[in-house]
Amino acid sequence: MGDFDLKQEISLKEDAAYVVKNGKLTTMKAPECGHGNDEIVWKDGKVLDVIRSKRERINGQEYI
């Protein structure tokens, strides 16, 4: 397997999503507000981008 025969440990005690690209691990933590969506964009079988959006609940605020 060459240079990509690598291993890395992750914590099973924290909620997160993980992306491996070119042998490197990226941890995707939850948004600070606690709500949102992460969309992974693939191109030619590889991760290209992550689109992160957040959701805000309407509770009668004047502005958001």
C-alpha atoms as a PDB file:
ATOM      1  CA  MET A   1       0.000   0.000   0.000  1.00  0.00           C
ATOM      2  CA  GLY A   2       3.002   2.340   0.113  1.00  0.00           C
ATOM      3  CA  ASP A   3       2.804   5.737   1.811  1.00  0.00           C
ATOM      4  CA  PHE A   4      -0.929   5.399   2.474  1.00  0.00           C
ATOM      5  CA  ASP A   5      -0.539   2.405   4.806  1.00  0.00           C
ATOM      6  CA  LEU A   6      -1.132   4.669   7.831  1.00  0.00           C
ATOM      7  CA  LYS A   7      -3.246   4.362  10.972  1.00  0.00           C
ATOM      8  CA  GLN A   8      -4.595   7.017  13.299  1.00  0.00           C
ATOM      9  CA  GLU A   9      -6.659   6.727  16.472  1.00  0.00           C
ATOM     10  CA  ILE A  10      -9.901   8.613  17.035  1.00  0.00           C
ATOM     11  CA  SER A  11     -11.876   9.155  20.228  1.00  0.00           C
ATOM     12  CA  LEU A  12     -15.136   7.259  20.463  1.00  0.00           C
ATOM     13  CA  LYS A  13     -16.147   9.486  23.382  1.00  0.00           C
ATOM     14  CA  GLU A  14     -16.753  12.637  21.293  1.00  0.00           C
ATOM     15  CA  ASP A  15     -19.420  13.075  18.638  1.00  0.00           C
ATOM     16  CA  ALA A  16     -17.816  14.006  15.332  1.00  0.00           C
ATOM     17  CA  ALA A  17     -17.620  13.054  11.681  1.00  0.00           C
ATOM     18  CA  TYR A  18     -14.322  12.211  10.036  1.00  0.00           C
ATOM     19  CA  VAL A  19     -13.080  12.658   6.489  1.00  0.00           C
ATOM     20  CA  VAL A  20      -9.912  11.084   5.138  1.00  0.00           C
ATOM     21  CA  LYS A  21      -8.405  12.825   2.110  1.00  0.00           C
ATOM     22  CA  ASN A  22      -4.987  12.049   0.660  1.00  0.00           C
ATOM     23  CA  GLY A  23      -4.058  10.087   3.776  1.00  0.00           C
ATOM     24  CA  LYS A  24      -4.911  12.925   6.174  1.00  0.00           C
ATOM     25  CA  LEU A  25      -7.712  12.822   8.743  1.00  0.00           C
ATOM     26  CA  THR A  26      -9.990  15.837   9.238  1.00  0.00           C
ATOM     27  CA  THR A  27     -12.323  15.911  12.237  1.00  0.00           C
ATOM     28  CA  MET A  28     -15.629  17.655  11.622  1.00  0.00           C
ATOM     29  CA  LYS A  29     -17.087  18.789  14.939  1.00  0.00           C
ATOM     30  CA  ALA A  30     -20.664  19.884  15.487  1.00  0.00           C
ATOM     31  CA  PRO A  31     -21.453  23.545  14.786  1.00  0.00           C
ATOM     32  CA  GLU A  32     -21.095  25.818  17.829  1.00  0.00           C
ATOM     33  CA  CYS A  33     -24.830  26.545  17.795  1.00  0.00           C
ATOM     34  CA  GLY A  34     -25.492  22.792  18.028  1.00  0.00           C
ATOM     35  CA  HIS A  35     -27.648  22.580  14.878  1.00  0.00           C
ATOM     36  CA  GLY A  36     -26.721  22.399  11.214  1.00  0.00           C
ATOM     37  CA  ASN A  37     -25.883  20.287   8.194  1.00  0.00           C
ATOM     38  CA  ASP A  38     -22.624  19.178   6.633  1.00  0.00           C
ATOM     39  CA  GLU A  39     -22.656  18.117   2.992  1.00  0.00           C
ATOM     40  CA  ILE A  40     -19.626  16.389   1.481  1.00  0.00           C
ATOM     41  CA  VAL A  41     -18.917  17.207  -2.172  1.00  0.00           C
ATOM     42  CA  TRP A  42     -17.161  14.461  -4.125  1.00  0.00           C
ATOM     43  CA  LYS A  43     -15.299  14.845  -7.428  1.00  0.00           C
ATOM     44  CA  ASP A  44     -13.697  11.963  -9.328  1.00  0.00           C
ATOM     45  CA  GLY A  45     -14.105   9.700  -6.281  1.00  0.00           C
ATOM     46  CA  LYS A  46     -12.334  12.082  -3.886  1.00  0.00           C
ATOM     47  CA  VAL A  47     -13.597  14.546  -1.298  1.00  0.00           C
ATOM     48  CA  LEU A  48     -13.468  18.045  -2.779  1.00  0.00           C
ATOM     49  CA  ASP A  49     -15.304  20.283  -0.292  1.00  0.00           C
ATOM     50  CA  VAL A  50     -17.573  20.326   2.726  1.00  0.00           C
ATOM     51  CA  ILE A  51     -20.550  22.675   2.662  1.00  0.00           C
ATOM     52  CA  ARG A  52     -21.538  23.633   6.206  1.00  0.00           C
ATOM     53  CA  SER A  53     -24.840  25.316   6.948  1.00  0.00           C
ATOM     54  CA  LYS A  54     -26.554  26.120  10.203  1.00  0.00           C
ATOM     55  CA  ARG A  55     -30.188  26.132  11.173  1.00  0.00           C
ATOM     56  CA  GLU A  56     -31.772  28.732  13.417  1.00  0.00           C
ATOM     57  CA  ARG A  57     -35.088  28.099  15.088  1.00  0.00           C
ATOM     58  CA  ILE A  58     -37.548  30.987  14.963  1.00  0.00           C
ATOM     59  CA  ASN A  59     -38.788  31.736  18.475  1.00  0.00           C
ATOM     60  CA  GLY A  60     -40.247  35.194  17.960  1.00  0.00           C
ATOM     61  CA  GLN A  61     -36.880  36.970  17.719  1.00  0.00           C
ATOM     62  CA  GLU A  62     -37.027  40.360  16.056  1.00  0.00           C
ATOM     63  CA  TYR A  63     -33.821  39.617  14.097  1.00  0.00           C
ATOM     64  CA  ILE A  64     -31.638  36.630  13.401  1.00  0.00           C
END
